[in-house]
């Protein structure tokens, strides 16, 4: 399970999301409100149990205030996570 979690693109996106949220000193509730998302959605993304839709990744990127190259890397992780979700 540990190895799968490390290689699952959804988990990689979740780790990046959590790191950016913590760097911004936001709670899940605060980030969810800023991005216009539900707290459960944000929690699922951070835990890697779901992959982000491209529009969701864009909302999160804007809410976190990510600049280039962080935004570019964040979107690349999101695309990989979304592809993994879609199978």
PDB file of N, CA and C in Angstrom:
ATOM      1  N   UNK A   1       0.827  -1.187   0.000  1.00  0.00           N
ATOM      2  CA  UNK A   1       0.000   0.000   0.000  1.00  0.00           C
ATOM      3  C   UNK A   1       0.876   1.257   0.000  1.00  0.00           C
ATOM      4  N   UNK A   2       1.926   1.264   0.818  1.00  0.00           N
ATOM      5  CA  UNK A   2       2.830   2.417   0.906  1.00  0.00           C
ATOM      6  C   UNK A   2       3.431   2.732  -0.461  1.00  0.00           C
ATOM      7  N   UNK A   3       3.891   1.705  -1.182  1.00  0.00           N
ATOM      8  CA  UNK A   3       4.492   1.920  -2.496  1.00  0.00           C
ATOM      9  C   UNK A   3       3.463   2.463  -3.471  1.00  0.00           C
ATOM     10  N   UNK A   4       2.249   1.922  -3.438  1.00  0.00           N
ATOM     11  CA  UNK A   4       1.192   2.404  -4.321  1.00  0.00           C
ATOM     12  C   UNK A   4       0.894   3.866  -4.035  1.00  0.00           C
ATOM     13  N   UNK A   5       0.869   4.243  -2.766  1.00  0.00           N
ATOM     14  CA  UNK A   5       0.599   5.623  -2.403  1.00  0.00           C
ATOM     15  C   UNK A   5       1.677   6.560  -2.930  1.00  0.00           C
ATOM     16  N   UNK A   6       2.924   6.112  -2.926  1.00  0.00           N
ATOM     17  CA  UNK A   6       4.018   6.956  -3.400  1.00  0.00           C
ATOM     18  C   UNK A   6       3.987   7.122  -4.906  1.00  0.00           C
ATOM     19  N   UNK A   7       3.477   6.126  -5.644  1.00  0.00           N
ATOM     20  CA  UNK A   7       3.476   6.199  -7.097  1.00  0.00           C
ATOM     21  C   UNK A   7       2.142   6.652  -7.667  1.00  0.00           C
ATOM     22  N   UNK A   8       1.094   6.694  -6.881  1.00  0.00           N
ATOM     23  CA  UNK A   8      -0.219   7.114  -7.361  1.00  0.00           C
ATOM     24  C   UNK A   8      -0.193   8.625  -7.617  1.00  0.00           C
ATOM     25  N   UNK A   9      -0.482   9.058  -8.841  1.00  0.00           N
ATOM     26  CA  UNK A   9      -0.464  10.494  -9.142  1.00  0.00           C
ATOM     27  C   UNK A   9      -1.449  11.296  -8.301  1.00  0.00           C
ATOM     28  N   UNK A  10      -2.547  10.673  -7.893  1.00  0.00           N
ATOM     29  CA  UNK A  10      -3.509  11.378  -7.037  1.00  0.00           C
ATOM     30  C   UNK A  10      -2.894  11.683  -5.682  1.00  0.00           C
ATOM     31  N   UNK A  11      -2.115  10.740  -5.155  1.00  0.00           N
ATOM     32  CA  UNK A  11      -1.446  10.956  -3.868  1.00  0.00           C
ATOM     33  C   UNK A  11      -0.378  12.037  -3.994  1.00  0.00           C
ATOM     34  N   UNK A  12       0.337  12.050  -5.116  1.00  0.00           N
ATOM     35  CA  UNK A  12       1.361  13.080  -5.336  1.00  0.00           C
ATOM     36  C   UNK A  12       0.716  14.464  -5.394  1.00  0.00           C
ATOM     37  N   UNK A  13      -0.420  14.564  -6.076  1.00  0.00           N
ATOM     38  CA  UNK A  13      -1.128  15.837  -6.124  1.00  0.00           C
ATOM     39  C   UNK A  13      -1.598  16.223  -4.718  1.00  0.00           C
ATOM     40  N   UNK A  14      -2.120  15.258  -3.986  1.00  0.00           N
ATOM     41  CA  UNK A  14      -2.595  15.529  -2.629  1.00  0.00           C
ATOM     42  C   UNK A  14      -1.497  16.043  -1.714  1.00  0.00           C
ATOM     43  N   UNK A  15      -0.302  15.456  -1.816  1.00  0.00           N
ATOM     44  CA  UNK A  15       0.827  15.924  -1.002  1.00  0.00           C
ATOM     45  C   UNK A  15       1.209  17.352  -1.381  1.00  0.00           C
ATOM     46  N   UNK A  16       1.213  17.633  -2.678  1.00  0.00           N
ATOM     47  CA  UNK A  16       1.552  18.992  -3.135  1.00  0.00           C
ATOM     48  C   UNK A  16       0.500  19.994  -2.669  1.00  0.00           C
ATOM     49  N   UNK A  17      -0.755  19.626  -2.793  1.00  0.00           N
ATOM     50  CA  UNK A  17      -1.842  20.506  -2.361  1.00  0.00           C
ATOM     51  C   UNK A  17      -1.732  20.813  -0.867  1.00  0.00           C
ATOM     52  N   UNK A  18      -1.532  19.785  -0.073  1.00  0.00           N
ATOM     53  CA  UNK A  18      -1.406  19.973   1.375  1.00  0.00           C
ATOM     54  C   UNK A  18      -0.213  20.873   1.702  1.00  0.00           C
ATOM     55  N   UNK A  19       0.897  20.644   1.020  1.00  0.00           N
ATOM     56  CA  UNK A  19       2.081  21.462   1.258  1.00  0.00           C
ATOM     57  C   UNK A  19       1.854  22.922   0.917  1.00  0.00           C
ATOM     58  N   UNK A  20       1.226  23.172  -0.228  1.00  0.00           N
ATOM     59  CA  UNK A  20       0.950  24.554  -0.622  1.00  0.00           C
ATOM     60  C   UNK A  20      -0.045  25.205   0.346  1.00  0.00           C
ATOM     61  N   UNK A  21      -1.043  24.439   0.777  1.00  0.00           N
ATOM     62  CA  UNK A  21      -2.028  24.978   1.724  1.00  0.00           C
ATOM     63  C   UNK A  21      -1.360  25.351   3.035  1.00  0.00           C
ATOM     64  N   UNK A  22      -0.501  24.476   3.510  1.00  0.00           N
ATOM     65  CA  UNK A  22       0.201  24.757   4.768  1.00  0.00           C
ATOM     66  C   UNK A  22       1.162  25.933   4.619  1.00  0.00           C
ATOM     67  N   UNK A  23       1.841  26.008   3.484  1.00  0.00           N
ATOM     68  CA  UNK A  23       2.737  27.145   3.225  1.00  0.00           C
ATOM     69  C   UNK A  23       1.963  28.460   3.243  1.00  0.00           C
ATOM     70  N   UNK A  24       0.714  28.409   2.765  1.00  0.00           N
ATOM     71  CA  UNK A  24      -0.135  29.600   2.744  1.00  0.00           C
ATOM     72  C   UNK A  24      -0.796  29.848   4.106  1.00  0.00           C
ATOM     73  N   UNK A  25      -0.547  28.935   5.045  1.00  0.00           N
ATOM     74  CA  UNK A  25      -1.117  29.032   6.398  1.00  0.00           C
ATOM     75  C   UNK A  25      -2.634  29.112   6.388  1.00  0.00           C
ATOM     76  N   UNK A  26      -3.227  28.208   5.592  1.00  0.00           N
ATOM     77  CA  UNK A  26      -4.678  28.131   5.489  1.00  0.00           C
ATOM     78  C   UNK A  26      -5.163  26.792   6.024  1.00  0.00           C
ATOM     79  N   UNK A  27      -6.309  26.798   6.661  1.00  0.00           N
ATOM     80  CA  UNK A  27      -6.952  25.543   7.031  1.00  0.00           C
ATOM     81  C   UNK A  27      -7.655  24.998   5.794  1.00  0.00           C
ATOM     82  N   UNK A  28      -8.087  23.755   5.867  1.00  0.00           N
ATOM     83  CA  UNK A  28      -8.848  23.206   4.750  1.00  0.00           C
ATOM     84  C   UNK A  28     -10.115  24.025   4.521  1.00  0.00           C
ATOM     85  N   UNK A  29     -10.764  24.414   5.585  1.00  0.00           N
ATOM     86  CA  UNK A  29     -11.982  25.207   5.456  1.00  0.00           C
ATOM     87  C   UNK A  29     -11.739  26.554   4.797  1.00  0.00           C
ATOM     88  N   UNK A  30     -10.645  27.196   5.165  1.00  0.00           N
ATOM     89  CA  UNK A  30     -10.319  28.495   4.585  1.00  0.00           C
ATOM     90  C   UNK A  30     -10.004  28.385   3.092  1.00  0.00           C
ATOM     91  N   UNK A  31      -9.203  27.369   2.742  1.00  0.00           N
ATOM     92  CA  UNK A  31      -8.864  27.198   1.326  1.00  0.00           C
ATOM     93  C   UNK A  31     -10.097  26.801   0.529  1.00  0.00           C
ATOM     94  N   UNK A  32     -10.908  25.913   1.073  1.00  0.00           N
ATOM     95  CA  UNK A  32     -12.124  25.503   0.373  1.00  0.00           C
ATOM     96  C   UNK A  32     -13.006  26.713   0.087  1.00  0.00           C
ATOM     97  N   UNK A  33     -13.172  27.586   1.071  1.00  0.00           N
ATOM     98  CA  UNK A  33     -13.999  28.781   0.889  1.00  0.00           C
ATOM     99  C   UNK A  33     -13.394  29.710  -0.163  1.00  0.00           C
ATOM    100  N   UNK A  34     -12.085  29.905  -0.109  1.00  0.00           N
ATOM    101  CA  UNK A  34     -11.409  30.777  -1.075  1.00  0.00           C
ATOM    102  C   UNK A  34     -11.536  30.259  -2.499  1.00  0.00           C
ATOM    103  N   UNK A  35     -11.507  28.931  -2.644  1.00  0.00           N
ATOM    104  CA  UNK A  35     -11.559  28.311  -3.971  1.00  0.00           C
ATOM    105  C   UNK A  35     -12.987  28.025  -4.428  1.00  0.00           C
ATOM    106  N   UNK A  36     -13.957  28.179  -3.531  1.00  0.00           N
ATOM    107  CA  UNK A  36     -15.340  27.875  -3.882  1.00  0.00           C
ATOM    108  C   UNK A  36     -15.622  26.386  -3.950  1.00  0.00           C
ATOM    109  N   UNK A  37     -14.932  25.631  -3.107  1.00  0.00           N
ATOM    110  CA  UNK A  37     -15.081  24.180  -3.073  1.00  0.00           C
ATOM    111  C   UNK A  37     -15.601  23.744  -1.706  1.00  0.00           C
ATOM    112  N   UNK A  38     -16.057  22.516  -1.622  1.00  0.00           N
ATOM    113  CA  UNK A  38     -16.453  21.953  -0.343  1.00  0.00           C
ATOM    114  C   UNK A  38     -15.233  21.445   0.412  1.00  0.00           C
ATOM    115  N   UNK A  39     -15.332  21.457   1.735  1.00  0.00           N
ATOM    116  CA  UNK A  39     -14.232  20.958   2.564  1.00  0.00           C
ATOM    117  C   UNK A  39     -14.002  19.473   2.288  1.00  0.00           C
ATOM    118  N   UNK A  40     -15.062  18.727   2.086  1.00  0.00           N
ATOM    119  CA  UNK A  40     -14.900  17.295   1.808  1.00  0.00           C
ATOM    120  C   UNK A  40     -14.144  17.075   0.494  1.00  0.00           C
ATOM    121  N   UNK A  41     -14.440  17.869  -0.502  1.00  0.00           N
ATOM    122  CA  UNK A  41     -13.719  17.769  -1.777  1.00  0.00           C
ATOM    123  C   UNK A  41     -12.234  18.010  -1.561  1.00  0.00           C
ATOM    124  N   UNK A  42     -11.928  19.053  -0.816  1.00  0.00           N
ATOM    125  CA  UNK A  42     -10.527  19.377  -0.544  1.00  0.00           C
ATOM    126  C   UNK A  42      -9.859  18.255   0.245  1.00  0.00           C
ATOM    127  N   UNK A  43     -10.556  17.730   1.232  1.00  0.00           N
ATOM    128  CA  UNK A  43     -10.015  16.627   2.032  1.00  0.00           C
ATOM    129  C   UNK A  43      -9.739  15.402   1.157  1.00  0.00           C
ATOM    130  N   UNK A  44     -10.686  15.058   0.289  1.00  0.00           N
ATOM    131  CA  UNK A  44     -10.494  13.912  -0.614  1.00  0.00           C
ATOM    132  C   UNK A  44      -9.288  14.121  -1.528  1.00  0.00           C
ATOM    133  N   UNK A  45      -9.117  15.332  -2.016  1.00  0.00           N
ATOM    134  CA  UNK A  45      -7.970  15.623  -2.884  1.00  0.00           C
ATOM    135  C   UNK A  45      -6.663  15.503  -2.114  1.00  0.00           C
ATOM    136  N   UNK A  46      -6.625  16.036  -0.906  1.00  0.00           N
ATOM    137  CA  UNK A  46      -5.389  15.971  -0.112  1.00  0.00           C
ATOM    138  C   UNK A  46      -5.041  14.535   0.272  1.00  0.00           C
ATOM    139  N   UNK A  47      -6.048  13.708   0.505  1.00  0.00           N
ATOM    140  CA  UNK A  47      -5.788  12.314   0.867  1.00  0.00           C
ATOM    141  C   UNK A  47      -5.483  11.451  -0.351  1.00  0.00           C
ATOM    142  N   UNK A  48      -5.681  12.004  -1.536  1.00  0.00           N
ATOM    143  CA  UNK A  48      -5.391  11.247  -2.749  1.00  0.00           C
ATOM    144  C   UNK A  48      -6.452  10.235  -3.102  1.00  0.00           C
ATOM    145  N   UNK A  49      -7.660  10.389  -2.556  1.00  0.00           N
ATOM    146  CA  UNK A  49      -8.728   9.449  -2.873  1.00  0.00           C
ATOM    147  C   UNK A  49      -9.511   9.852  -4.113  1.00  0.00           C
ATOM    148  N   UNK A  50      -9.268  11.063  -4.585  1.00  0.00           N
ATOM    149  CA  UNK A  50      -9.870  11.492  -5.845  1.00  0.00           C
ATOM    150  C   UNK A  50      -8.865  12.360  -6.583  1.00  0.00           C
ATOM    151  N   UNK A  51      -9.050  12.423  -7.882  1.00  0.00           N
ATOM    152  CA  UNK A  51      -8.170  13.248  -8.699  1.00  0.00           C
ATOM    153  C   UNK A  51      -8.859  14.561  -9.029  1.00  0.00           C
ATOM    154  N   UNK A  52      -8.103  15.607  -9.200  1.00  0.00           N
ATOM    155  CA  UNK A  52      -8.697  16.913  -9.449  1.00  0.00           C
ATOM    156  C   UNK A  52      -9.124  17.104 -10.902  1.00  0.00           C
ATOM    157  N   UNK A  53     -10.279  17.657 -11.084  1.00  0.00           N
ATOM    158  CA  UNK A  53     -10.681  18.083 -12.426  1.00  0.00           C
ATOM    159  C   UNK A  53      -9.790  19.274 -12.797  1.00  0.00           C
ATOM    160  N   UNK A  54      -9.552  19.492 -14.071  1.00  0.00           N
ATOM    161  CA  UNK A  54      -8.720  20.629 -14.472  1.00  0.00           C
ATOM    162  C   UNK A  54      -9.242  21.965 -13.931  1.00  0.00           C
ATOM    163  N   UNK A  55     -10.547  22.163 -13.947  1.00  0.00           N
ATOM    164  CA  UNK A  55     -11.117  23.418 -13.437  1.00  0.00           C
ATOM    165  C   UNK A  55     -10.902  23.549 -11.931  1.00  0.00           C
ATOM    166  N   UNK A  56     -10.967  22.443 -11.216  1.00  0.00           N
ATOM    167  CA  UNK A  56     -10.736  22.465  -9.774  1.00  0.00           C
ATOM    168  C   UNK A  56      -9.292  22.837  -9.478  1.00  0.00           C
ATOM    169  N   UNK A  57      -8.377  22.279 -10.241  1.00  0.00           N
ATOM    170  CA  UNK A  57      -6.956  22.606 -10.059  1.00  0.00           C
ATOM    171  C   UNK A  57      -6.723  24.092 -10.308  1.00  0.00           C
ATOM    172  N   UNK A  58      -7.393  24.655 -11.309  1.00  0.00           N
ATOM    173  CA  UNK A  58      -7.234  26.075 -11.599  1.00  0.00           C
ATOM    174  C   UNK A  58      -7.768  26.931 -10.451  1.00  0.00           C
ATOM    175  N   UNK A  59      -8.906  26.548  -9.886  1.00  0.00           N
ATOM    176  CA  UNK A  59      -9.464  27.275  -8.744  1.00  0.00           C
ATOM    177  C   UNK A  59      -8.510  27.234  -7.553  1.00  0.00           C
ATOM    178  N   UNK A  60      -7.952  26.059  -7.291  1.00  0.00           N
ATOM    179  CA  UNK A  60      -7.027  25.910  -6.169  1.00  0.00           C
ATOM    180  C   UNK A  60      -5.750  26.708  -6.395  1.00  0.00           C
ATOM    181  N   UNK A  61      -5.249  26.661  -7.603  1.00  0.00           N
ATOM    182  CA  UNK A  61      -4.026  27.392  -7.933  1.00  0.00           C
ATOM    183  C   UNK A  61      -4.226  28.889  -7.695  1.00  0.00           C
ATOM    184  N   UNK A  62      -5.356  29.411  -8.130  1.00  0.00           N
ATOM    185  CA  UNK A  62      -5.658  30.834  -7.943  1.00  0.00           C
ATOM    186  C   UNK A  62      -5.842  31.153  -6.460  1.00  0.00           C
ATOM    187  N   UNK A  63      -6.559  30.298  -5.747  1.00  0.00           N
ATOM    188  CA  UNK A  63      -6.815  30.539  -4.327  1.00  0.00           C
ATOM    189  C   UNK A  63      -5.525  30.493  -3.514  1.00  0.00           C
ATOM    190  N   UNK A  64      -4.591  29.664  -3.926  1.00  0.00           N
ATOM    191  CA  UNK A  64      -3.308  29.560  -3.239  1.00  0.00           C
ATOM    192  C   UNK A  64      -2.334  30.656  -3.670  1.00  0.00           C
ATOM    193  N   UNK A  65      -2.659  31.341  -4.743  1.00  0.00           N
ATOM    194  CA  UNK A  65      -1.783  32.400  -5.240  1.00  0.00           C
ATOM    195  C   UNK A  65      -0.468  31.884  -5.774  1.00  0.00           C
ATOM    196  N   UNK A  66      -0.512  30.706  -6.401  1.00  0.00           N
ATOM    197  CA  UNK A  66       0.725  30.111  -6.918  1.00  0.00           C
ATOM    198  C   UNK A  66       1.195  30.852  -8.156  1.00  0.00           C
ATOM    199  N   UNK A  67       2.455  31.169  -8.167  1.00  0.00           N
ATOM    200  CA  UNK A  67       3.068  31.799  -9.328  1.00  0.00           C
ATOM    201  C   UNK A  67       3.842  30.772 -10.129  1.00  0.00           C
ATOM    202  N   UNK A  68       4.321  31.198 -11.247  1.00  0.00           N
ATOM    203  CA  UNK A  68       5.154  30.347 -12.093  1.00  0.00           C
ATOM    204  C   UNK A  68       6.481  30.115 -11.373  1.00  0.00           C
ATOM    205  N   UNK A  69       7.094  29.022 -11.292  1.00  0.00           N
ATOM    206  CA  UNK A  69       6.851  27.701 -11.862  1.00  0.00           C
ATOM    207  C   UNK A  69       6.010  26.791 -10.964  1.00  0.00           C
ATOM    208  N   UNK A  70       5.677  27.247  -9.735  1.00  0.00           N
ATOM    209  CA  UNK A  70       4.864  26.406  -8.851  1.00  0.00           C
ATOM    210  C   UNK A  70       3.526  26.057  -9.482  1.00  0.00           C
ATOM    211  N   UNK A  71       2.901  27.024 -10.139  1.00  0.00           N
ATOM    212  CA  UNK A  71       1.601  26.783 -10.768  1.00  0.00           C
ATOM    213  C   UNK A  71       1.726  25.757 -11.885  1.00  0.00           C
ATOM    214  N   UNK A  72       2.791  25.855 -12.644  1.00  0.00           N
ATOM    215  CA  UNK A  72       3.006  24.914 -13.745  1.00  0.00           C
ATOM    216  C   UNK A  72       3.164  23.484 -13.214  1.00  0.00           C
ATOM    217  N   UNK A  73       3.945  23.323 -12.170  1.00  0.00           N
ATOM    218  CA  UNK A  73       4.147  22.007 -11.567  1.00  0.00           C
ATOM    219  C   UNK A  73       2.846  21.486 -10.956  1.00  0.00           C
ATOM    220  N   UNK A  74       2.100  22.361 -10.292  1.00  0.00           N
ATOM    221  CA  UNK A  74       0.826  22.003  -9.674  1.00  0.00           C
ATOM    222  C   UNK A  74      -0.152  21.495 -10.738  1.00  0.00           C
ATOM    223  N   UNK A  75      -0.235  22.193 -11.873  1.00  0.00           N
ATOM    224  CA  UNK A  75      -1.138  21.770 -12.944  1.00  0.00           C
ATOM    225  C   UNK A  75      -0.684  20.453 -13.574  1.00  0.00           C
ATOM    226  N   UNK A  76       0.615  20.229 -13.680  1.00  0.00           N
ATOM    227  CA  UNK A  76       1.119  18.954 -14.218  1.00  0.00           C
ATOM    228  C   UNK A  76       0.726  17.800 -13.300  1.00  0.00           C
ATOM    229  N   UNK A  77       0.859  18.000 -11.994  1.00  0.00           N
ATOM    230  CA  UNK A  77       0.436  16.971 -11.039  1.00  0.00           C
ATOM    231  C   UNK A  77      -1.070  16.741 -11.128  1.00  0.00           C
ATOM    232  N   UNK A  78      -1.820  17.820 -11.289  1.00  0.00           N
ATOM    233  CA  UNK A  78      -3.277  17.715 -11.395  1.00  0.00           C
ATOM    234  C   UNK A  78      -3.682  16.923 -12.632  1.00  0.00           C
ATOM    235  N   UNK A  79      -3.031  17.202 -13.761  1.00  0.00           N
ATOM    236  CA  UNK A  79      -3.350  16.462 -14.998  1.00  0.00           C
ATOM    237  C   UNK A  79      -3.089  14.972 -14.812  1.00  0.00           C
ATOM    238  N   UNK A  80      -1.964  14.639 -14.195  1.00  0.00           N
ATOM    239  CA  UNK A  80      -1.639  13.216 -13.972  1.00  0.00           C
ATOM    240  C   UNK A  80      -2.663  12.577 -13.033  1.00  0.00           C
ATOM    241  N   UNK A  81      -3.056  13.298 -11.995  1.00  0.00           N
ATOM    242  CA  UNK A  81      -4.053  12.781 -11.056  1.00  0.00           C
ATOM    243  C   UNK A  81      -5.407  12.592 -11.715  1.00  0.00           C
ATOM    244  N   UNK A  82      -5.768  13.527 -12.583  1.00  0.00           N
ATOM    245  CA  UNK A  82      -7.049  13.427 -13.291  1.00  0.00           C
ATOM    246  C   UNK A  82      -7.035  12.241 -14.236  1.00  0.00           C
ATOM    247  N   UNK A  83      -5.926  12.045 -14.945  1.00  0.00           N
ATOM    248  CA  UNK A  83      -5.824  10.888 -15.848  1.00  0.00           C
ATOM    249  C   UNK A  83      -5.930   9.578 -15.070  1.00  0.00           C
ATOM    250  N   UNK A  84      -5.306   9.531 -13.892  1.00  0.00           N
ATOM    251  CA  UNK A  84      -5.358   8.314 -13.075  1.00  0.00           C
ATOM    252  C   UNK A  84      -6.783   8.026 -12.615  1.00  0.00           C
ATOM    253  N   UNK A  85      -7.534   9.060 -12.335  1.00  0.00           N
ATOM    254  CA  UNK A  85      -8.922   8.894 -11.896  1.00  0.00           C
ATOM    255  C   UNK A  85      -9.796   8.385 -13.019  1.00  0.00           C
ATOM    256  N   UNK A  86      -9.544   8.867 -14.213  1.00  0.00           N
ATOM    257  CA  UNK A  86     -10.380   8.514 -15.359  1.00  0.00           C
ATOM    258  C   UNK A  86     -10.041   7.128 -15.902  1.00  0.00           C
ATOM    259  N   UNK A  87      -8.932   6.561 -15.442  1.00  0.00           N
ATOM    260  CA  UNK A  87      -8.599   5.190 -15.757  1.00  0.00           C
ATOM    261  C   UNK A  87      -7.892   4.979 -16.998  1.00  0.00           C
TER     262      UNK A  87
END
